Structures are given as C-alpha cells and as structure tokens.
Amino acid sequence: MSDDSLFAVLRHVTTDSLAGVLLKKGLRNQWLKGPVPLSPNQPRTVGRAFTMRFVPVREEVPGALGVKLPVNRDAVELMDEGCIAVADARGEIGAATFGDIVVYRMVKRGVAGIVTDGAVRDRKGLIESGMPIWTTAITAPPPATRLMLIDMQQPICCGGVAVFPGDIIVADGDGVVVVPAGLAKEAAAEGAEQERLDEWQLDHVKRGVSLPDIPPLKKI
C-alpha cells in the first residue's frame, strides 16, 4: 500500500481508535504524553516521522570544541514533503523548539505537521502559518537559551514514547499516536473497522438503545 493510500485511510481514524488497536497488539505506550493541538481547528494530520533530538545547552560546545551542531534552519532543508517533524525536547518548556520563521519555511517545504514535547513560540504567527502543531507549552525564549539540536533522523523519546524515523504519526484533537511503520497497514484497516463499530454503537445510544441491547454490527 502506498503512503497516499495508507494516509487516506488513517485520516479517518481517530487516535483513540488507533491507541486501542495498538493495545490489542501488545503496544501499551504509543500515545504521547504532553503535546496538545496549538489550535482547536487543526485537522487530523498523518505523516512519517522526521525525528529531532534536543539536549540541554552547553554554551562552550560549538565554539570551544569546533563542533558545528545542526540547527533548526538546517534541519528544515532535509525534511521530505509530507513528513511530520517530531522533536524530543525532554519536556523542556523554558525555550522554544520552533518559532514562526522556521515554521513558515517548513510550510514552503511541504512539511505536514510538527510535534514537540517541549514548547513553541510566536503563537500568533504559527497559527497564521496554517501548520498543524502539537506542543506541550507556549514560551518566549529562543532555543539557544536552554536547548541545542544535537541529532536528526535517529530514534528519540518524545512524550515518553519511542519514535523511530519513518514511523507513522497520527495527530488529532486527542493528541498524538505513534504507529510503528511495520504495523501501519494492519493498524489502519483495524482502526477503520473500529470507527465503523463506534459509529454504529453511538448511533444506537443516541436513539435511546441500552448498551446491552445494541445489535451486532454486520461485517462488510
């Protein structure tokens, strides 16, 4: 199944359903703790993870050791169209992982969304950019006050969940779920079936049917 076909299915599957599907497969920790939608009007967003790892800033490192560390502006140019940037900021909210200038460039690059367990800044500009963003907090200080981007496209921990480059990220109003790439097709199909079941049950409950009396859903 192509990414386009897979993502088309997943855009109609809630993170709630996916979390349940993954739980049945033995994956108990796929929902990120912390990141919530920056704007309530954001669409459900699906894409492959482009991972970024931040560590506490060490003021002497770039100059004293002659190390050229990656910075957000460089990272953006490496992102594929349709990816979701996932930033491991260790929950640091005293400095931003993204601001409006970088995000506007990400929009031009075709990045589908941003997830961070840290903070973002320039809230007004970020919302105006139209970029779907899931963040733990809003802040004012720039990254360099507390954080430095140390690595990209390596396994990270974001919101207490292991995220590997290329994992499928599904984000909506209830948060962010990481779907392992190898399980994505199966999870999408089962998630779509769960949506059917939930809609069937909810429709009957709204019409006054008691939970024990809801008839079985016919398979298609």
N, C-alpha and C. Protein backbone atom coordinates (compact mmCIF):
# COMPACT_ATOMS: atom_id res chain seq x y z
N MET A 1 0.85 -1.19 0.00
CA MET A 1 0.00 0.00 0.00
C MET A 1 0.88 1.24 0.00
N SER A 2 0.59 2.18 -0.89
CA SER A 2 1.36 3.42 -0.95
C SER A 2 1.06 4.29 0.26
N ASP A 3 1.98 5.22 0.52
CA ASP A 3 1.73 6.16 1.63
C ASP A 3 0.44 6.94 1.41
N ASP A 4 0.19 7.35 0.17
CA ASP A 4 -1.02 8.14 -0.12
C ASP A 4 -2.27 7.35 0.27
N SER A 5 -2.31 6.07 -0.12
CA SER A 5 -3.47 5.24 0.19
C SER A 5 -3.58 4.99 1.69
N LEU A 6 -2.44 4.71 2.31
CA LEU A 6 -2.42 4.45 3.75
C LEU A 6 -2.87 5.68 4.54
N PHE A 7 -2.33 6.83 4.18
CA PHE A 7 -2.67 8.06 4.91
C PHE A 7 -4.12 8.45 4.70
N ALA A 8 -4.67 8.15 3.51
CA ALA A 8 -6.07 8.46 3.23
C ALA A 8 -6.98 7.70 4.19
N VAL A 9 -6.61 6.46 4.51
CA VAL A 9 -7.39 5.68 5.48
C VAL A 9 -7.20 6.25 6.89
N LEU A 10 -5.95 6.51 7.26
CA LEU A 10 -5.66 6.96 8.62
C LEU A 10 -6.24 8.33 8.93
N ARG A 11 -6.47 9.15 7.92
CA ARG A 11 -7.07 10.47 8.18
C ARG A 11 -8.51 10.36 8.67
N HIS A 12 -9.08 9.16 8.56
CA HIS A 12 -10.45 8.94 9.04
C HIS A 12 -10.48 8.05 10.28
N VAL A 13 -9.31 7.84 10.88
CA VAL A 13 -9.23 7.02 12.08
C VAL A 13 -8.72 7.89 13.23
N THR A 14 -9.44 7.91 14.33
CA THR A 14 -9.05 8.74 15.47
C THR A 14 -7.85 8.14 16.19
N THR A 15 -7.15 9.00 16.92
CA THR A 15 -6.06 8.50 17.75
C THR A 15 -6.60 7.56 18.84
N ASP A 16 -7.84 7.80 19.27
CA ASP A 16 -8.45 6.92 20.27
C ASP A 16 -8.54 5.49 19.73
N SER A 17 -9.05 5.36 18.51
CA SER A 17 -9.18 4.03 17.91
C SER A 17 -7.83 3.38 17.70
N LEU A 18 -6.87 4.17 17.23
CA LEU A 18 -5.53 3.61 16.99
C LEU A 18 -4.87 3.15 18.28
N ALA A 19 -5.03 3.93 19.34
CA ALA A 19 -4.46 3.53 20.63
C ALA A 19 -5.05 2.20 21.08
N GLY A 20 -6.35 2.02 20.85
CA GLY A 20 -6.99 0.76 21.20
C GLY A 20 -6.52 -0.40 20.35
N VAL A 21 -6.38 -0.16 19.06
CA VAL A 21 -5.90 -1.19 18.14
C VAL A 21 -4.49 -1.62 18.53
N LEU A 22 -3.64 -0.65 18.79
CA LEU A 22 -2.25 -0.97 19.14
C LEU A 22 -2.16 -1.68 20.49
N LEU A 23 -3.05 -1.32 21.42
CA LEU A 23 -3.08 -2.00 22.71
C LEU A 23 -3.37 -3.49 22.53
N LYS A 24 -4.30 -3.80 21.63
CA LYS A 24 -4.64 -5.21 21.36
C LYS A 24 -3.45 -5.97 20.77
N LYS A 25 -2.52 -5.25 20.19
CA LYS A 25 -1.33 -5.88 19.61
C LYS A 25 -0.17 -5.90 20.61
N GLY A 26 -0.45 -5.48 21.84
CA GLY A 26 0.56 -5.52 22.88
C GLY A 26 1.38 -4.26 23.03
N LEU A 27 1.05 -3.21 22.27
CA LEU A 27 1.78 -1.94 22.36
C LEU A 27 1.01 -0.99 23.27
N ARG A 28 1.49 -0.84 24.49
CA ARG A 28 0.76 -0.10 25.52
C ARG A 28 1.16 1.37 25.63
N ASN A 29 2.21 1.76 24.96
CA ASN A 29 2.74 3.11 25.18
C ASN A 29 3.03 3.79 23.85
N GLN A 30 1.96 4.10 23.10
CA GLN A 30 2.12 4.74 21.79
C GLN A 30 1.50 6.13 21.73
N TRP A 31 0.85 6.56 22.80
CA TRP A 31 0.25 7.90 22.85
C TRP A 31 1.18 8.83 23.60
N LEU A 32 1.52 9.97 22.99
CA LEU A 32 2.48 10.91 23.57
C LEU A 32 1.86 11.69 24.72
N LYS A 33 2.54 11.71 25.83
CA LYS A 33 2.07 12.46 26.99
C LYS A 33 2.62 13.89 26.93
N GLY A 34 1.73 14.86 26.84
CA GLY A 34 2.15 16.25 26.83
C GLY A 34 1.65 17.05 25.64
N PRO A 35 2.02 16.69 24.41
CA PRO A 35 1.66 17.52 23.26
C PRO A 35 0.15 17.58 23.01
N VAL A 36 -0.37 18.79 22.85
CA VAL A 36 -1.77 19.02 22.53
C VAL A 36 -1.84 19.98 21.34
N PRO A 37 -2.99 20.06 20.66
CA PRO A 37 -3.08 20.95 19.50
C PRO A 37 -2.85 22.41 19.88
N LEU A 38 -2.07 23.10 19.05
CA LEU A 38 -1.88 24.54 19.26
C LEU A 38 -3.17 25.29 18.99
N SER A 39 -3.91 24.84 17.98
CA SER A 39 -5.18 25.47 17.60
C SER A 39 -6.28 24.41 17.60
N PRO A 40 -7.47 24.75 18.09
CA PRO A 40 -8.56 23.76 18.10
C PRO A 40 -9.08 23.40 16.72
N ASN A 41 -8.72 24.18 15.72
CA ASN A 41 -9.23 23.95 14.36
C ASN A 41 -8.29 23.12 13.49
N GLN A 42 -7.25 22.57 14.07
CA GLN A 42 -6.30 21.80 13.28
C GLN A 42 -6.94 20.51 12.77
N PRO A 43 -6.66 20.14 11.53
CA PRO A 43 -7.18 18.88 11.00
C PRO A 43 -6.39 17.70 11.54
N ARG A 44 -7.00 16.51 11.49
CA ARG A 44 -6.21 15.32 11.80
C ARG A 44 -5.07 15.25 10.78
N THR A 45 -3.87 15.01 11.27
CA THR A 45 -2.68 15.07 10.43
C THR A 45 -1.93 13.75 10.51
N VAL A 46 -1.49 13.28 9.34
CA VAL A 46 -0.80 11.99 9.24
C VAL A 46 0.47 12.17 8.42
N GLY A 47 1.55 11.56 8.85
CA GLY A 47 2.80 11.63 8.08
C GLY A 47 3.87 10.77 8.72
N ARG A 48 4.96 10.61 8.01
CA ARG A 48 6.09 9.85 8.55
C ARG A 48 6.96 10.76 9.41
N ALA A 49 7.50 10.20 10.47
CA ALA A 49 8.27 10.98 11.43
C ALA A 49 9.64 11.37 10.89
N PHE A 50 9.95 12.66 11.01
CA PHE A 50 11.32 13.16 10.86
C PHE A 50 11.75 13.54 12.26
N THR A 51 12.67 12.79 12.84
CA THR A 51 12.98 12.96 14.26
C THR A 51 14.11 13.97 14.50
N MET A 52 13.99 14.68 15.62
CA MET A 52 14.96 15.68 16.04
C MET A 52 15.19 15.52 17.54
N ARG A 53 16.45 15.55 17.95
CA ARG A 53 16.76 15.38 19.38
C ARG A 53 17.49 16.60 19.92
N PHE A 54 16.89 17.20 20.94
CA PHE A 54 17.48 18.34 21.63
C PHE A 54 18.04 17.90 22.97
N VAL A 55 19.14 18.53 23.39
CA VAL A 55 19.72 18.28 24.71
C VAL A 55 19.93 19.63 25.38
N PRO A 56 20.20 19.64 26.69
CA PRO A 56 20.45 20.92 27.37
C PRO A 56 21.64 21.64 26.74
N VAL A 57 21.52 22.94 26.64
CA VAL A 57 22.58 23.73 26.01
C VAL A 57 23.87 23.67 26.83
N ARG A 58 24.99 23.55 26.13
CA ARG A 58 26.32 23.66 26.73
C ARG A 58 27.01 24.80 25.99
N GLU A 59 27.09 25.94 26.64
CA GLU A 59 27.48 27.17 25.95
C GLU A 59 28.83 27.08 25.26
N GLU A 60 29.72 26.26 25.76
CA GLU A 60 31.07 26.25 25.18
C GLU A 60 31.20 25.31 23.99
N VAL A 61 30.23 24.44 23.76
CA VAL A 61 30.42 23.36 22.79
C VAL A 61 30.66 23.83 21.36
N PRO A 62 29.78 24.64 20.75
CA PRO A 62 30.01 24.97 19.34
C PRO A 62 31.34 25.68 19.07
N GLY A 63 31.73 26.61 19.95
CA GLY A 63 32.96 27.37 19.71
C GLY A 63 34.21 26.68 20.23
N ALA A 64 34.21 26.32 21.49
CA ALA A 64 35.42 25.79 22.12
C ALA A 64 35.87 24.47 21.52
N LEU A 65 34.92 23.64 21.12
CA LEU A 65 35.29 22.34 20.57
C LEU A 65 35.28 22.31 19.05
N GLY A 66 34.93 23.41 18.44
CA GLY A 66 34.93 23.48 16.99
C GLY A 66 33.88 22.59 16.33
N VAL A 67 32.83 22.28 17.07
CA VAL A 67 31.79 21.39 16.54
C VAL A 67 30.69 22.22 15.90
N LYS A 68 30.34 21.87 14.66
CA LYS A 68 29.21 22.54 14.03
C LYS A 68 27.96 21.69 14.27
N LEU A 69 27.14 22.14 15.19
CA LEU A 69 25.93 21.40 15.51
C LEU A 69 24.84 21.73 14.51
N PRO A 70 23.95 20.76 14.25
CA PRO A 70 22.81 21.07 13.40
C PRO A 70 21.90 22.07 14.09
N VAL A 71 21.29 22.94 13.34
CA VAL A 71 20.33 23.88 13.89
C VAL A 71 19.03 23.71 13.13
N ASN A 72 17.94 24.24 13.71
CA ASN A 72 16.62 24.06 13.11
C ASN A 72 16.58 24.47 11.64
N ARG A 73 17.24 25.56 11.32
CA ARG A 73 17.16 26.07 9.95
C ARG A 73 17.81 25.11 8.97
N ASP A 74 18.86 24.41 9.41
CA ASP A 74 19.48 23.40 8.55
C ASP A 74 18.58 22.18 8.45
N ALA A 75 17.99 21.79 9.56
CA ALA A 75 17.17 20.58 9.59
C ALA A 75 15.99 20.68 8.63
N VAL A 76 15.40 21.85 8.54
CA VAL A 76 14.23 22.04 7.67
C VAL A 76 14.54 21.64 6.24
N GLU A 77 15.73 21.96 5.77
CA GLU A 77 16.08 21.69 4.38
C GLU A 77 16.27 20.20 4.11
N LEU A 78 16.30 19.38 5.15
CA LEU A 78 16.45 17.93 4.99
C LEU A 78 15.12 17.20 5.09
N MET A 79 14.06 17.93 5.41
CA MET A 79 12.75 17.30 5.62
C MET A 79 12.06 17.02 4.31
N ASP A 80 11.51 15.81 4.19
CA ASP A 80 10.77 15.43 2.99
C ASP A 80 9.37 16.02 3.02
N GLU A 81 8.83 16.29 1.85
CA GLU A 81 7.45 16.74 1.76
C GLU A 81 6.52 15.70 2.39
N GLY A 82 5.59 16.18 3.20
CA GLY A 82 4.62 15.28 3.82
C GLY A 82 5.04 14.69 5.14
N CYS A 83 6.28 14.95 5.58
CA CYS A 83 6.73 14.39 6.86
C CYS A 83 6.15 15.20 8.02
N ILE A 84 6.24 14.63 9.21
CA ILE A 84 5.90 15.34 10.44
C ILE A 84 7.16 15.44 11.28
N ALA A 85 7.57 16.66 11.60
CA ALA A 85 8.76 16.86 12.43
C ALA A 85 8.40 16.54 13.88
N VAL A 86 9.15 15.61 14.47
CA VAL A 86 8.90 15.19 15.85
C VAL A 86 10.14 15.53 16.67
N ALA A 87 9.97 16.42 17.65
CA ALA A 87 11.11 16.93 18.42
C ALA A 87 11.10 16.39 19.84
N ASP A 88 12.20 15.76 20.20
CA ASP A 88 12.45 15.31 21.57
C ASP A 88 13.16 16.44 22.30
N ALA A 89 12.41 17.17 23.12
CA ALA A 89 12.98 18.29 23.87
C ALA A 89 13.09 17.98 25.36
N ARG A 90 12.86 16.69 25.72
CA ARG A 90 12.97 16.27 27.12
C ARG A 90 11.97 16.99 28.02
N GLY A 91 10.89 17.50 27.42
CA GLY A 91 9.89 18.21 28.21
C GLY A 91 10.28 19.61 28.62
N GLU A 92 11.38 20.12 28.07
CA GLU A 92 11.84 21.48 28.40
C GLU A 92 10.90 22.51 27.79
N ILE A 93 10.29 23.34 28.64
CA ILE A 93 9.37 24.37 28.14
C ILE A 93 9.89 25.78 28.40
N GLY A 94 11.14 25.89 28.85
CA GLY A 94 11.72 27.21 29.09
C GLY A 94 12.35 27.82 27.86
N ALA A 95 12.31 27.10 26.74
CA ALA A 95 12.84 27.61 25.47
C ALA A 95 12.09 26.91 24.35
N ALA A 96 11.94 27.60 23.22
CA ALA A 96 11.15 27.07 22.11
C ALA A 96 11.96 26.11 21.25
N THR A 97 11.29 25.08 20.75
CA THR A 97 11.90 24.22 19.74
C THR A 97 11.64 24.76 18.33
N PHE A 98 10.54 25.50 18.17
CA PHE A 98 10.20 26.09 16.87
C PHE A 98 9.60 27.47 17.06
N GLY A 99 9.87 28.36 16.09
CA GLY A 99 9.26 29.68 16.05
C GLY A 99 8.70 29.93 14.65
N ASP A 100 8.08 31.09 14.46
CA ASP A 100 7.34 31.30 13.22
C ASP A 100 8.20 31.34 11.96
N ILE A 101 9.42 31.87 12.03
CA ILE A 101 10.25 31.97 10.82
C ILE A 101 10.59 30.57 10.30
N VAL A 102 11.05 29.71 11.19
CA VAL A 102 11.37 28.33 10.80
C VAL A 102 10.12 27.62 10.30
N VAL A 103 9.00 27.82 10.99
CA VAL A 103 7.78 27.11 10.62
C VAL A 103 7.26 27.57 9.25
N TYR A 104 7.35 28.85 8.95
CA TYR A 104 6.92 29.30 7.62
C TYR A 104 7.77 28.64 6.53
N ARG A 105 9.06 28.44 6.80
CA ARG A 105 9.90 27.73 5.83
C ARG A 105 9.46 26.27 5.71
N MET A 106 9.07 25.67 6.81
CA MET A 106 8.59 24.29 6.78
C MET A 106 7.31 24.18 5.95
N VAL A 107 6.46 25.19 6.05
CA VAL A 107 5.25 25.21 5.22
C VAL A 107 5.63 25.20 3.75
N LYS A 108 6.58 26.03 3.37
CA LYS A 108 7.02 26.09 1.97
C LYS A 108 7.64 24.77 1.52
N ARG A 109 8.26 24.05 2.44
CA ARG A 109 8.88 22.77 2.13
C ARG A 109 7.85 21.64 2.04
N GLY A 110 6.62 21.92 2.45
CA GLY A 110 5.58 20.89 2.38
C GLY A 110 5.52 19.97 3.57
N VAL A 111 6.13 20.38 4.68
CA VAL A 111 6.06 19.58 5.91
C VAL A 111 4.60 19.54 6.38
N ALA A 112 4.14 18.36 6.79
CA ALA A 112 2.72 18.18 7.11
C ALA A 112 2.35 18.65 8.51
N GLY A 113 3.30 18.60 9.46
CA GLY A 113 2.97 18.97 10.82
C GLY A 113 4.18 18.94 11.73
N ILE A 114 3.97 19.38 12.96
CA ILE A 114 5.03 19.44 13.97
C ILE A 114 4.50 18.86 15.27
N VAL A 115 5.32 18.05 15.92
CA VAL A 115 5.02 17.52 17.25
C VAL A 115 6.24 17.76 18.13
N THR A 116 6.05 18.34 19.30
CA THR A 116 7.15 18.53 20.24
C THR A 116 6.67 18.32 21.66
N ASP A 117 7.50 17.66 22.47
CA ASP A 117 7.17 17.54 23.89
C ASP A 117 7.76 18.71 24.67
N GLY A 118 8.28 19.70 23.94
CA GLY A 118 8.75 20.94 24.52
C GLY A 118 7.77 22.06 24.22
N ALA A 119 8.30 23.22 23.87
CA ALA A 119 7.46 24.40 23.65
C ALA A 119 7.72 25.01 22.28
N VAL A 120 6.80 25.87 21.86
CA VAL A 120 6.97 26.68 20.66
C VAL A 120 6.76 28.14 21.04
N ARG A 121 7.16 29.05 20.17
CA ARG A 121 6.93 30.47 20.43
C ARG A 121 6.36 31.13 19.17
N ASP A 122 6.02 32.42 19.28
CA ASP A 122 5.38 33.16 18.19
C ASP A 122 4.01 32.56 17.86
N ARG A 123 3.20 32.38 18.88
CA ARG A 123 1.92 31.68 18.72
C ARG A 123 1.07 32.26 17.60
N LYS A 124 0.94 33.56 17.54
CA LYS A 124 0.10 34.19 16.53
C LYS A 124 0.60 33.83 15.13
N GLY A 125 1.90 33.95 14.92
CA GLY A 125 2.46 33.64 13.62
C GLY A 125 2.33 32.18 13.26
N LEU A 126 2.48 31.32 14.25
CA LEU A 126 2.36 29.88 13.99
C LEU A 126 0.95 29.53 13.54
N ILE A 127 -0.05 30.09 14.21
CA ILE A 127 -1.43 29.81 13.82
C ILE A 127 -1.71 30.37 12.43
N GLU A 128 -1.22 31.56 12.16
CA GLU A 128 -1.43 32.16 10.83
C GLU A 128 -0.74 31.37 9.73
N SER A 129 0.33 30.65 10.06
CA SER A 129 1.05 29.87 9.04
C SER A 129 0.22 28.70 8.52
N GLY A 130 -0.75 28.25 9.32
CA GLY A 130 -1.56 27.11 8.92
C GLY A 130 -0.93 25.76 9.21
N MET A 131 0.26 25.76 9.79
CA MET A 131 0.95 24.50 10.10
C MET A 131 0.28 23.83 11.31
N PRO A 132 -0.19 22.60 11.17
CA PRO A 132 -0.71 21.88 12.34
C PRO A 132 0.43 21.58 13.32
N ILE A 133 0.24 21.98 14.57
CA ILE A 133 1.30 21.84 15.58
C ILE A 133 0.72 21.26 16.87
N TRP A 134 1.43 20.28 17.42
CA TRP A 134 1.10 19.73 18.73
C TRP A 134 2.27 20.02 19.65
N THR A 135 2.00 20.72 20.74
CA THR A 135 3.07 21.19 21.62
C THR A 135 2.64 21.06 23.08
N THR A 136 3.62 21.03 23.97
CA THR A 136 3.32 20.95 25.39
C THR A 136 3.08 22.33 26.00
N ALA A 137 3.69 23.37 25.41
CA ALA A 137 3.57 24.70 26.00
C ALA A 137 3.89 25.78 24.98
N ILE A 138 3.53 27.01 25.33
CA ILE A 138 3.93 28.21 24.60
C ILE A 138 4.96 28.92 25.46
N THR A 139 6.01 29.42 24.84
CA THR A 139 7.05 30.11 25.58
C THR A 139 7.54 31.30 24.77
N ALA A 140 8.44 32.08 25.32
CA ALA A 140 9.01 33.22 24.61
C ALA A 140 10.49 33.06 24.27
N PRO A 141 11.33 32.51 25.16
CA PRO A 141 12.77 32.44 24.87
C PRO A 141 13.09 31.56 23.66
N PRO A 142 14.14 31.91 22.91
CA PRO A 142 14.57 31.11 21.76
C PRO A 142 15.26 29.83 22.21
N PRO A 143 15.46 28.86 21.30
CA PRO A 143 16.08 27.59 21.68
C PRO A 143 17.42 27.74 22.38
N ALA A 144 18.26 28.65 21.91
CA ALA A 144 19.64 28.73 22.39
C ALA A 144 19.76 29.05 23.87
N THR A 145 18.68 29.52 24.50
CA THR A 145 18.75 29.80 25.93
C THR A 145 18.83 28.54 26.78
N ARG A 146 18.28 27.43 26.27
CA ARG A 146 18.25 26.20 27.06
C ARG A 146 18.50 24.92 26.26
N LEU A 147 18.35 24.98 24.95
CA LEU A 147 18.39 23.76 24.15
C LEU A 147 19.34 23.87 22.97
N MET A 148 19.89 22.73 22.56
CA MET A 148 20.60 22.69 21.29
C MET A 148 20.22 21.39 20.57
N LEU A 149 19.98 21.53 19.28
CA LEU A 149 19.66 20.38 18.44
C LEU A 149 20.94 19.60 18.19
N ILE A 150 20.94 18.35 18.64
CA ILE A 150 22.18 17.57 18.61
C ILE A 150 22.16 16.47 17.55
N ASP A 151 20.96 16.04 17.13
CA ASP A 151 20.89 14.92 16.20
C ASP A 151 19.55 14.92 15.47
N MET A 152 19.55 14.27 14.30
CA MET A 152 18.34 14.15 13.50
C MET A 152 18.26 12.75 12.91
N GLN A 153 17.04 12.32 12.65
CA GLN A 153 16.76 11.04 12.00
C GLN A 153 17.42 9.86 12.71
N GLN A 154 17.32 9.90 14.04
CA GLN A 154 17.72 8.80 14.90
C GLN A 154 16.55 8.52 15.86
N PRO A 155 16.50 7.33 16.47
CA PRO A 155 15.44 7.07 17.44
C PRO A 155 15.46 8.10 18.58
N ILE A 156 14.28 8.55 18.97
CA ILE A 156 14.16 9.54 20.04
C ILE A 156 13.08 9.09 21.02
N CYS A 157 12.96 9.83 22.11
CA CYS A 157 11.85 9.67 23.05
C CYS A 157 11.10 10.99 23.09
N CYS A 158 9.88 11.00 22.61
CA CYS A 158 9.06 12.21 22.62
C CYS A 158 7.78 11.91 23.39
N GLY A 159 7.53 12.71 24.42
CA GLY A 159 6.33 12.49 25.22
C GLY A 159 6.30 11.12 25.87
N GLY A 160 7.48 10.57 26.17
CA GLY A 160 7.55 9.27 26.82
C GLY A 160 7.39 8.09 25.90
N VAL A 161 7.41 8.33 24.58
CA VAL A 161 7.22 7.26 23.60
C VAL A 161 8.43 7.18 22.68
N ALA A 162 8.87 5.98 22.38
CA ALA A 162 9.95 5.79 21.42
C ALA A 162 9.43 6.09 20.02
N VAL A 163 10.15 6.95 19.30
CA VAL A 163 9.78 7.30 17.93
C VAL A 163 10.99 7.05 17.03
N PHE A 164 10.78 6.24 16.00
CA PHE A 164 11.84 5.95 15.05
C PHE A 164 11.57 6.71 13.76
N PRO A 165 12.63 7.13 13.06
CA PRO A 165 12.43 7.79 11.76
C PRO A 165 11.57 6.91 10.85
N GLY A 166 10.57 7.51 10.23
CA GLY A 166 9.71 6.76 9.33
C GLY A 166 8.50 6.14 9.98
N ASP A 167 8.41 6.17 11.32
CA ASP A 167 7.17 5.75 11.98
C ASP A 167 6.03 6.63 11.49
N ILE A 168 4.81 6.10 11.57
CA ILE A 168 3.64 6.87 11.14
C ILE A 168 3.09 7.64 12.34
N ILE A 169 2.99 8.95 12.18
CA ILE A 169 2.44 9.81 13.22
C ILE A 169 1.01 10.18 12.84
N VAL A 170 0.09 9.96 13.77
CA VAL A 170 -1.30 10.39 13.60
C VAL A 170 -1.63 11.32 14.76
N ALA A 171 -2.06 12.53 14.44
CA ALA A 171 -2.31 13.54 15.47
C ALA A 171 -3.66 14.19 15.24
N ASP A 172 -4.44 14.33 16.31
CA ASP A 172 -5.74 14.99 16.20
C ASP A 172 -6.06 15.70 17.52
N GLY A 173 -7.33 15.97 17.75
CA GLY A 173 -7.71 16.73 18.93
C GLY A 173 -7.44 16.03 20.25
N ASP A 174 -7.25 14.72 20.22
CA ASP A 174 -6.96 13.97 21.43
C ASP A 174 -5.49 13.67 21.61
N GLY A 175 -4.65 14.25 20.78
CA GLY A 175 -3.21 14.08 20.95
C GLY A 175 -2.54 13.39 19.79
N VAL A 176 -1.46 12.68 20.10
CA VAL A 176 -0.59 12.11 19.08
C VAL A 176 -0.33 10.64 19.37
N VAL A 177 -0.48 9.81 18.34
CA VAL A 177 -0.18 8.38 18.45
C VAL A 177 0.90 8.02 17.44
N VAL A 178 1.85 7.20 17.88
CA VAL A 178 2.92 6.71 17.01
C VAL A 178 2.58 5.29 16.58
N VAL A 179 2.46 5.08 15.27
CA VAL A 179 2.17 3.76 14.72
C VAL A 179 3.47 3.22 14.12
N PRO A 180 4.02 2.13 14.65
CA PRO A 180 5.23 1.56 14.05
C PRO A 180 5.02 1.29 12.57
N ALA A 181 6.00 1.63 11.76
CA ALA A 181 5.85 1.53 10.31
C ALA A 181 5.44 0.13 9.88
N GLY A 182 5.99 -0.89 10.52
CA GLY A 182 5.69 -2.26 10.12
C GLY A 182 4.28 -2.71 10.43
N LEU A 183 3.58 -1.97 11.28
CA LEU A 183 2.21 -2.32 11.66
C LEU A 183 1.19 -1.37 11.06
N ALA A 184 1.63 -0.41 10.28
CA ALA A 184 0.75 0.67 9.85
C ALA A 184 -0.43 0.20 9.00
N LYS A 185 -0.17 -0.67 8.03
CA LYS A 185 -1.25 -1.13 7.15
C LYS A 185 -2.31 -1.88 7.94
N GLU A 186 -1.86 -2.77 8.81
CA GLU A 186 -2.77 -3.56 9.63
C GLU A 186 -3.54 -2.67 10.60
N ALA A 187 -2.84 -1.73 11.22
CA ALA A 187 -3.49 -0.83 12.18
C ALA A 187 -4.51 0.07 11.50
N ALA A 188 -4.22 0.49 10.28
CA ALA A 188 -5.15 1.34 9.55
C ALA A 188 -6.45 0.60 9.26
N ALA A 189 -6.33 -0.64 8.79
CA ALA A 189 -7.52 -1.43 8.47
C ALA A 189 -8.35 -1.70 9.72
N GLU A 190 -7.69 -2.10 10.79
CA GLU A 190 -8.41 -2.39 12.03
C GLU A 190 -8.97 -1.12 12.66
N GLY A 191 -8.24 -0.03 12.51
CA GLY A 191 -8.74 1.24 13.03
C GLY A 191 -9.99 1.70 12.30
N ALA A 192 -10.01 1.52 10.98
CA ALA A 192 -11.18 1.90 10.19
C ALA A 192 -12.39 1.06 10.60
N GLU A 193 -12.17 -0.22 10.87
CA GLU A 193 -13.26 -1.09 11.32
C GLU A 193 -13.74 -0.67 12.71
N GLN A 194 -12.83 -0.25 13.57
CA GLN A 194 -13.21 0.23 14.90
C GLN A 194 -14.05 1.49 14.80
N GLU A 195 -13.72 2.36 13.85
CA GLU A 195 -14.52 3.57 13.64
C GLU A 195 -15.95 3.21 13.25
N ARG A 196 -16.09 2.22 12.37
CA ARG A 196 -17.42 1.75 11.97
C ARG A 196 -18.21 1.27 13.17
N LEU A 197 -17.55 0.48 14.01
CA LEU A 197 -18.21 -0.07 15.19
C LEU A 197 -18.61 1.04 16.16
N ASP A 198 -17.72 1.99 16.38
CA ASP A 198 -18.02 3.08 17.31
C ASP A 198 -19.19 3.92 16.81
N GLU A 199 -19.21 4.20 15.51
CA GLU A 199 -20.31 4.99 14.95
C GLU A 199 -21.64 4.24 15.08
N TRP A 200 -21.61 2.94 14.84
CA TRP A 200 -22.79 2.10 14.97
C TRP A 200 -23.33 2.14 16.40
N GLN A 201 -22.46 1.95 17.36
CA GLN A 201 -22.88 1.94 18.76
C GLN A 201 -23.36 3.31 19.22
N LEU A 202 -22.65 4.35 18.82
CA LEU A 202 -23.04 5.70 19.22
C LEU A 202 -24.40 6.07 18.65
N ASP A 203 -24.65 5.68 17.41
CA ASP A 203 -25.94 5.97 16.78
C ASP A 203 -27.07 5.33 17.57
N HIS A 204 -26.88 4.09 17.99
CA HIS A 204 -27.93 3.41 18.75
C HIS A 204 -28.11 4.04 20.13
N VAL A 205 -27.02 4.40 20.79
CA VAL A 205 -27.12 5.02 22.11
C VAL A 205 -27.86 6.35 22.02
N LYS A 206 -27.58 7.12 20.98
CA LYS A 206 -28.26 8.41 20.79
C LYS A 206 -29.75 8.23 20.58
N ARG A 207 -30.14 7.08 20.04
CA ARG A 207 -31.56 6.81 19.79
C ARG A 207 -32.24 6.15 20.99
N GLY A 208 -31.49 6.03 22.10
CA GLY A 208 -32.08 5.53 23.33
C GLY A 208 -31.92 4.06 23.59
N VAL A 209 -31.15 3.36 22.76
CA VAL A 209 -30.94 1.93 22.95
C VAL A 209 -29.95 1.72 24.10
N SER A 210 -30.25 0.79 25.00
CA SER A 210 -29.32 0.50 26.09
C SER A 210 -28.11 -0.25 25.54
N LEU A 211 -26.99 -0.13 26.22
CA LEU A 211 -25.76 -0.76 25.72
C LEU A 211 -25.90 -2.27 25.51
N PRO A 212 -26.52 -3.01 26.44
CA PRO A 212 -26.64 -4.46 26.21
C PRO A 212 -27.52 -4.81 25.01
N ASP A 213 -28.40 -3.88 24.60
CA ASP A 213 -29.34 -4.19 23.52
C ASP A 213 -28.87 -3.74 22.14
N ILE A 214 -27.68 -3.18 22.05
CA ILE A 214 -27.17 -2.78 20.73
C ILE A 214 -26.90 -4.03 19.91
N PRO A 215 -27.51 -4.14 18.73
CA PRO A 215 -27.30 -5.34 17.91
C PRO A 215 -25.89 -5.38 17.35
N PRO A 216 -25.40 -6.58 17.02
CA PRO A 216 -24.06 -6.70 16.44
C PRO A 216 -23.96 -5.96 15.11
N LEU A 217 -22.80 -5.44 14.84
CA LEU A 217 -22.55 -4.76 13.58
C LEU A 217 -22.29 -5.79 12.50
N LYS A 218 -22.98 -5.65 11.38
CA LYS A 218 -22.77 -6.58 10.27
C LYS A 218 -21.42 -6.31 9.62
N LYS A 219 -20.70 -7.36 9.33
CA LYS A 219 -19.41 -7.21 8.66
C LYS A 219 -19.62 -6.91 7.19
N ILE A 220 -18.68 -6.12 6.61
CA ILE A 220 -18.76 -5.81 5.19
C ILE A 220 -17.54 -6.39 4.49
